[in-house]
Protein backbone atom coordinates (compact mmCIF):
# COMPACT_ATOMS: atom_id res chain seq x y z
CA UNK A 1 25.63 -11.28 -14.78
CA UNK A 2 23.25 -11.80 -11.83
CA UNK A 3 22.65 -8.31 -10.66
CA UNK A 4 22.10 -7.24 -14.90
CA UNK A 5 19.30 -9.98 -14.22
CA UNK A 6 17.75 -8.28 -11.20
CA UNK A 7 17.83 -5.13 -12.51
CA UNK A 8 16.28 -5.90 -15.71
CA UNK A 9 13.73 -7.82 -13.86
CA UNK A 10 13.04 -4.43 -11.47
CA UNK A 11 12.94 -2.60 -14.75
CA UNK A 12 9.63 -4.52 -16.16
CA UNK A 13 8.36 -4.53 -13.16
CA UNK A 14 8.48 -0.78 -12.87
CA UNK A 15 6.96 -0.99 -16.48
CA UNK A 16 4.04 -2.86 -15.60
CA UNK A 17 3.58 -0.51 -12.54
CA UNK A 18 3.15 2.31 -14.96
CA UNK A 19 0.91 0.23 -17.65
CA UNK A 20 -1.29 -0.14 -14.08
CA UNK A 21 -1.51 3.36 -13.44
CA UNK A 22 -3.22 3.85 -16.87
CA UNK A 23 -5.51 0.75 -16.29
CA UNK A 24 -6.45 2.29 -13.10
CA UNK A 25 -6.94 6.00 -14.25
CA UNK A 26 -9.08 4.33 -17.01
CA UNK A 27 -11.15 2.38 -15.00
CA UNK A 28 -12.07 5.44 -12.61
CA UNK A 29 -12.87 7.09 -15.74
CA UNK A 30 -14.88 4.11 -16.63
CA UNK A 31 -16.55 4.01 -12.80
CA UNK A 32 -17.21 8.10 -13.09
CA UNK A 33 -19.07 7.44 -16.33
CA UNK A 34 -21.43 5.29 -15.13
CA UNK A 35 -21.66 6.55 -11.42
CA UNK A 36 -23.47 9.56 -13.60
CA UNK A 37 -26.62 7.30 -14.56
CA UNK A 38 -26.68 4.30 -12.41
CA UNK A 39 -26.42 2.93 -9.18
CA UNK A 40 -23.88 1.39 -7.19
CA UNK A 41 -25.27 -2.23 -7.18
CA UNK A 42 -25.64 -2.40 -10.67
CA UNK A 43 -22.01 -1.49 -11.69
CA UNK A 44 -20.50 -3.73 -8.83
CA UNK A 45 -23.04 -6.72 -9.03
CA UNK A 46 -21.70 -6.81 -12.61
CA UNK A 47 -18.03 -5.94 -12.57
CA UNK A 48 -18.02 -8.16 -9.04
CA UNK A 49 -19.07 -11.17 -10.70
CA UNK A 50 -16.91 -11.07 -13.46
CA UNK A 51 -13.59 -10.58 -11.33
CA UNK A 52 -14.95 -13.12 -9.11
CA UNK A 53 -15.11 -15.33 -12.36
CA UNK A 54 -11.90 -14.41 -13.52
CA UNK A 55 -9.76 -15.18 -10.18
CA UNK A 56 -12.03 -18.31 -9.84
CA UNK A 57 -10.93 -19.77 -12.94
CA UNK A 58 -7.03 -18.59 -12.39
CA UNK A 59 -6.93 -19.62 -8.91
CA UNK A 60 -8.58 -23.35 -9.08
CA UNK A 61 -6.51 -23.99 -12.87
CA UNK A 62 -4.54 -27.24 -11.99
CA UNK A 63 -5.11 -26.66 -8.40
CA UNK A 64 -8.83 -27.15 -7.65
CA UNK A 65 -10.73 -25.54 -4.66
CA UNK A 66 -7.81 -25.89 -2.72
CA UNK A 67 -6.37 -22.90 -4.87
CA UNK A 68 -8.56 -20.31 -2.96
CA UNK A 69 -8.02 -21.74 0.56
CA UNK A 70 -7.11 -19.74 2.99
CA UNK A 71 -5.98 -20.08 6.38
CA UNK A 72 -6.32 -16.27 7.52
CA UNK A 73 -10.65 -16.61 7.32
CA UNK A 74 -10.76 -13.49 10.14
CA UNK A 75 -8.51 -11.41 7.82
CA UNK A 76 -10.00 -11.94 4.71
CA UNK A 77 -13.56 -11.57 5.55
CA UNK A 78 -12.62 -7.87 6.97
CA UNK A 79 -10.55 -7.17 3.57
CA UNK A 80 -13.53 -8.57 1.87
CA UNK A 81 -15.98 -6.40 4.16
CA UNK A 82 -13.53 -3.34 3.68
CA UNK A 83 -12.97 -3.82 -0.11
CA UNK A 84 -16.89 -3.77 -0.65
CA UNK A 85 -17.15 -0.44 1.49
CA UNK A 86 -14.32 1.36 0.26
CA UNK A 87 -15.45 0.58 -3.63
CA UNK A 88 -19.23 2.30 -2.98
CA UNK A 89 -17.67 4.98 -1.00
CA UNK A 90 -15.51 5.88 -3.59
CA UNK A 91 -18.26 5.10 -6.25
CA UNK A 92 -20.36 7.96 -4.83
CA UNK A 93 -16.98 9.94 -4.31
CA UNK A 94 -16.86 9.91 -8.52
CA UNK A 95 -20.02 11.18 -8.50
CA UNK A 96 -19.54 14.62 -6.51
CA UNK A 97 -15.92 15.11 -7.37
CA UNK A 98 -13.56 15.26 -10.32
CA UNK A 99 -10.67 12.54 -10.88
CA UNK A 100 -8.13 15.13 -9.79
CA UNK A 101 -9.75 15.46 -6.57
CA UNK A 102 -10.50 12.15 -5.59
CA UNK A 103 -6.89 11.09 -6.39
CA UNK A 104 -5.71 13.10 -3.37
CA UNK A 105 -7.71 11.17 -1.32
CA UNK A 106 -6.33 8.23 -2.94
CA UNK A 107 -2.79 9.55 -2.76
CA UNK A 108 -2.41 9.61 1.00
CA UNK A 109 -3.49 5.69 1.51
CA UNK A 110 0.30 4.73 1.51
CA UNK A 111 0.73 7.35 4.39
CA UNK A 112 -2.45 6.12 6.30
CA UNK A 113 -1.22 2.53 5.99
CA UNK A 114 2.20 3.42 7.14
CA UNK A 115 0.65 4.32 10.22
CA UNK A 116 -1.93 1.57 10.21
CA UNK A 117 0.80 -1.43 9.93
CA UNK A 118 2.12 -0.89 13.87
CA UNK A 119 -0.91 -2.11 15.22
CA UNK A 120 -1.77 -4.67 12.75
CA UNK A 121 1.54 -6.26 11.56
CA UNK A 122 4.12 -4.49 14.22
CA UNK A 123 5.75 -2.44 12.12
CA UNK A 124 6.76 1.06 13.93
CA UNK A 125 5.75 4.02 12.54
CA UNK A 126 9.07 6.45 12.55
CA UNK A 127 9.40 10.22 12.52
CA UNK A 128 8.88 9.89 8.54
CA UNK A 129 5.41 8.43 8.55
CA UNK A 130 4.22 11.28 10.90
CA UNK A 131 5.96 13.76 9.05
CA UNK A 132 4.61 12.17 5.75
CA UNK A 133 1.05 12.34 7.07
CA UNK A 134 1.36 15.84 8.27
CA UNK A 135 2.37 17.00 4.41
CA UNK A 136 -0.23 14.91 3.29
CA UNK A 137 -2.85 16.42 5.07
CA UNK A 138 -1.49 19.92 3.82
CA UNK A 139 -1.96 18.74 0.57
CA UNK A 140 -5.07 18.08 1.15
CA UNK A 141 -6.19 21.24 2.74
CA UNK A 142 -5.41 22.92 -0.46
CA UNK A 143 -8.76 21.60 -2.07
CA UNK A 144 -10.16 24.28 0.02
CA UNK A 145 -8.91 27.39 -0.54
CA UNK A 146 -11.88 28.97 0.58
CA UNK A 147 -11.03 27.25 4.23
CA UNK A 148 -13.43 24.12 6.00
CA UNK A 149 -16.36 26.04 4.29
CA UNK A 150 -15.49 24.34 1.22
CA UNK A 151 -15.31 21.03 2.60
CA UNK A 152 -18.36 19.07 0.69
CA UNK A 153 -19.70 15.59 1.52
CA UNK A 154 -17.95 13.98 -1.39
CA UNK A 155 -14.83 15.04 0.49
CA UNK A 156 -15.79 13.32 3.30
CA UNK A 157 -17.29 10.26 0.97
CA UNK A 158 -13.87 10.24 -0.64
CA UNK A 159 -11.82 10.25 2.59
CA UNK A 160 -13.81 7.52 4.37
CA UNK A 161 -13.17 5.43 1.08
CA UNK A 162 -9.58 5.96 1.20
CA UNK A 163 -9.79 5.08 4.76
CA UNK A 164 -11.61 1.87 4.20
CA UNK A 165 -9.35 0.94 1.04
CA UNK A 166 -6.12 1.45 3.70
CA UNK A 167 -7.91 -1.53 6.15
CA UNK A 168 -8.15 -3.79 3.05
CA UNK A 169 -4.84 -2.81 1.50
CA UNK A 170 -3.37 -3.78 5.33
CA UNK A 171 -5.18 -7.23 5.37
CA UNK A 172 -3.87 -7.97 2.25
CA UNK A 173 -0.64 -7.60 3.38
CA UNK A 174 -1.17 -9.61 6.41
CA UNK A 175 -2.75 -12.03 4.39
CA UNK A 176 0.13 -12.14 2.25
CA UNK A 177 2.97 -12.51 5.22
CA UNK A 178 0.96 -16.38 6.14
CA UNK A 179 0.65 -17.47 2.02
CA UNK A 180 1.20 -16.96 -1.03
CA UNK A 181 -2.37 -16.93 -2.94
CA UNK A 182 -3.18 -13.71 -4.34
CA UNK A 183 -5.89 -15.29 -6.50
CA UNK A 184 -8.15 -15.78 -3.15
CA UNK A 185 -7.21 -12.20 -2.35
CA UNK A 186 -9.30 -10.92 -5.74
CA UNK A 187 -11.68 -14.03 -5.32
CA UNK A 188 -13.34 -13.45 -1.75
CA UNK A 189 -13.76 -9.58 -1.79
CA UNK A 190 -15.35 -9.56 -5.22
CA UNK A 191 -17.55 -12.79 -4.41
CA UNK A 192 -19.03 -10.66 -1.61
CA UNK A 193 -19.38 -7.74 -3.50
CA UNK A 194 -21.20 -9.72 -6.00
CA UNK A 195 -23.39 -10.98 -3.29
CA UNK A 196 -24.22 -8.16 -1.48
CA UNK A 197 -25.10 -6.07 -4.97
CA UNK A 198 -27.39 -8.82 -6.29
CA UNK A 199 -29.28 -8.27 -3.40
CA UNK A 200 -29.85 -4.66 -4.00
CA UNK A 201 -30.11 -4.70 -7.66
CA UNK A 202 -33.93 -5.44 -8.13
CA UNK A 203 -34.94 -2.51 -6.60
CA UNK A 204 -32.37 -0.08 -8.44
CA UNK A 205 -31.74 -2.00 -11.50
CA UNK A 206 -32.31 0.25 -14.81
CA UNK A 207 -32.04 -0.75 -18.15
CA UNK A 208 -28.44 -0.27 -20.39
CA UNK A 209 -27.80 0.16 -23.73
CA UNK A 210 -24.81 -1.79 -25.82
CA UNK A 211 -22.69 1.44 -25.05
CA UNK A 212 -23.36 1.56 -21.37
CA UNK A 213 -22.76 -2.24 -21.23
CA UNK A 214 -19.66 -2.34 -22.76
CA UNK A 215 -18.71 0.55 -20.67
CA UNK A 216 -19.45 -2.11 -17.38
CA UNK A 217 -17.69 -4.77 -19.21
CA UNK A 218 -14.46 -2.56 -19.68
CA UNK A 219 -14.43 -1.45 -16.21
CA UNK A 220 -14.64 -5.09 -14.74
CA UNK A 221 -11.68 -5.99 -17.66
CA UNK A 222 -9.30 -3.09 -15.87
CA UNK A 223 -10.28 -3.92 -12.79
CA UNK A 224 -9.15 -7.51 -12.90
CA UNK A 225 -6.03 -6.57 -15.31
CA UNK A 226 -5.07 -3.43 -12.86
CA UNK A 227 -4.80 -5.65 -10.27
CA UNK A 228 -3.33 -8.57 -11.63
CA UNK A 229 -0.28 -6.24 -12.93
CA UNK A 230 0.07 -4.80 -9.47
CA UNK A 231 0.19 -8.21 -8.32
CA UNK A 232 2.94 -8.91 -10.76
CA UNK A 233 4.70 -5.65 -10.38
CA UNK A 234 5.12 -6.01 -6.63
CA UNK A 235 6.72 -9.73 -6.89
CA UNK A 236 9.22 -8.25 -9.10
CA UNK A 237 10.18 -4.75 -8.24
CA UNK A 238 10.76 -3.36 -4.40
CA UNK A 239 7.70 -1.56 -3.49
CA UNK A 240 10.23 1.89 -2.61
CA UNK A 241 9.92 1.77 -6.36
CA UNK A 242 6.31 0.76 -7.26
CA UNK A 243 5.07 3.59 -5.16
CA UNK A 244 6.51 6.33 -6.58
CA UNK A 245 5.78 5.18 -10.01
CA UNK A 246 2.03 4.75 -8.95
CA UNK A 247 1.63 8.47 -8.58
CA UNK A 248 1.45 8.77 -12.27
CA UNK A 249 -2.17 7.82 -11.91
CA UNK A 250 -2.52 11.43 -10.88
CA UNK A 251 -1.24 12.03 -14.69
CA UNK A 252 -3.73 10.11 -16.38
CA UNK A 253 -6.53 11.24 -14.06
CA UNK A 254 -6.12 14.73 -15.23
CA UNK A 255 -5.75 14.14 -18.98
CA UNK A 256 -8.63 11.87 -19.15
CA UNK A 257 -10.61 13.98 -16.58
CA UNK A 258 -9.80 17.02 -19.41
CA UNK A 259 -10.77 14.80 -22.14
CA UNK A 260 -13.96 13.25 -21.22
CA UNK A 261 -15.42 15.15 -18.75
CA UNK A 262 -14.20 18.20 -19.32
CA UNK A 263 -13.00 18.98 -16.05
CA UNK A 264 -10.06 21.82 -15.93
CA UNK A 265 -8.66 21.52 -12.06
CA UNK A 266 -7.81 24.52 -10.76
CA UNK A 267 -4.56 25.93 -9.65
CA UNK A 268 -4.83 24.35 -5.88
CA UNK A 269 -5.45 20.72 -6.78
CA UNK A 270 -2.28 20.97 -8.58
CA UNK A 271 -0.84 22.52 -5.76
CA UNK A 272 -2.38 19.80 -3.09
CA UNK A 273 -1.41 16.86 -5.35
CA UNK A 274 2.48 17.76 -5.94
CA UNK A 275 2.43 18.10 -2.05
CA UNK A 276 0.82 14.27 -1.27
CA UNK A 277 2.76 12.77 -4.42
CA UNK A 278 6.17 14.42 -2.57
CA UNK A 279 5.15 12.96 0.82
CA UNK A 280 4.27 9.59 -0.27
CA UNK A 281 7.69 9.64 -2.31
CA UNK A 282 9.77 11.14 0.23
CA UNK A 283 7.92 8.31 2.45
CA UNK A 284 8.46 5.15 0.52
CA UNK A 285 11.98 6.26 -0.47
CA UNK A 286 13.19 6.21 3.14
CA UNK A 287 11.75 2.83 3.61
CA UNK A 288 13.52 1.59 0.70
CA UNK A 289 16.67 3.12 1.95
CA UNK A 290 18.81 -0.12 2.82
CA UNK A 291 18.80 -0.28 7.07
CA UNK A 292 22.54 0.97 8.62
CA UNK A 293 24.96 -1.91 8.89
CA UNK A 294 25.06 -2.41 13.16
CA UNK A 295 28.33 -2.29 14.12
CA UNK A 296 29.68 -5.91 15.20
CA UNK A 297 29.83 -7.01 18.50
CA UNK A 298 33.88 -7.09 18.49
CA UNK A 299 33.68 -3.52 17.76
CA UNK A 300 30.74 -1.94 19.01
CA UNK A 301 31.09 0.47 21.75
CA UNK A 302 28.53 -0.26 24.99
CA UNK A 303 27.54 2.07 26.98
CA UNK A 304 26.48 0.95 30.60
CA UNK A 305 23.67 2.40 32.64
CA UNK A 306 26.43 4.48 34.26
CA UNK A 307 26.64 6.23 31.24
CA UNK A 308 30.71 5.69 30.81
CA UNK A 309 31.62 4.33 27.74
CA UNK A 310 32.86 0.55 27.87
CA UNK A 311 35.11 -0.77 25.33
CA UNK A 312 34.96 -4.12 24.42
CA UNK A 313 37.44 -6.50 25.12
CA UNK A 314 38.92 -9.12 22.32
CA UNK A 315 39.18 -12.86 23.55
CA UNK A 316 43.08 -12.57 23.54
CA UNK A 317 43.11 -9.29 25.44
CA UNK A 318 41.30 -11.11 27.86
CA UNK A 319 43.24 -14.08 28.04
CA UNK A 320 46.67 -11.61 28.28
CA UNK A 321 44.99 -9.96 30.79
CA UNK A 322 43.91 -12.82 33.20
CA UNK A 323 47.61 -14.07 32.69
CA UNK A 324 49.04 -10.91 33.67
CA UNK A 325 46.98 -11.39 36.64
CA UNK A 326 47.75 -14.81 37.42
CA UNK A 327 51.56 -14.02 37.07
CA UNK A 328 51.75 -10.64 39.41
CA UNK A 329 49.67 -13.21 42.08
CA UNK A 330 52.46 -15.45 41.61
CA UNK A 331 54.93 -13.06 41.91
CA UNK A 332 53.62 -11.37 45.08
CA UNK A 333 53.38 -15.37 46.72
CA UNK A 334 56.65 -15.51 45.89
CA UNK A 335 57.83 -12.31 47.24
CA UNK A 336 55.68 -13.24 50.76
CA UNK A 337 57.81 -16.55 50.96
CA UNK A 338 61.36 -14.96 50.70
CA UNK A 339 62.78 -14.97 53.88
CA UNK A 340 64.17 -12.09 55.49
């Protein structure tokens, strides 16, 4: 009965991930639409303020300001700064690349995170992580069938956006190990985004018609909803279930790109995305495998430095051997004491 409940919870979590991928892809499409005609400060001052407001309301509900307190001030500051940098860089990447191309750089983020965590979280990166990274970069190289001469500024921006996004993710995980306060993880990065972009807003502001204002509002709502569904999904389903399903975002981005922006990805983009998805999925599935059961001390074979195998001895065996040695010693004494 308990197993069925856990299985049901994981299934609901997986469904939440699927919903998140659709929300995230739709939000990216909204950001790409706004990026064509408006500056980054105009979008992010609006969306950052909205998400900060939503997270403030939910974070302080029934708790007051203590609901947004954090013990990890330095890590939270670094996460907030990395989140702002990543969002701005993705904004410019969407201006120059198709949605499907940007996804390939989003797809290698879990691999980059697996290599960054040893330094920050003391989580060892094994051979599988390095192999996944190698295959992931092979997938990225498929974006340039004509060679490195095809690398554009947009590709560099997208990679930098993914790298700063990984810093934000790793800091979120670091903070999450110290405290359970998801709304604080949303509030501080977005209030910083709102404040920074508000300073630049007067210099770049452009009047928005109702239609574009609605798109910006949709982006803000999707950004918050996506984060909420992802947090819920990660609390209900294990990471090795969540991460492969997140790759469905590529499908949504291709469909939205074709339907809204008339983008038709070429074969090399499909091949590159497939390699990235497979490498990421392999990495996450390997991480999700249960650790091999260690052999108990009673049945373990020790290998001393001499290279010889030393079989363990149970307490009863050791006791019997000591008794035999004692009896043998007594026999020797008795033998020596016999007059000849």
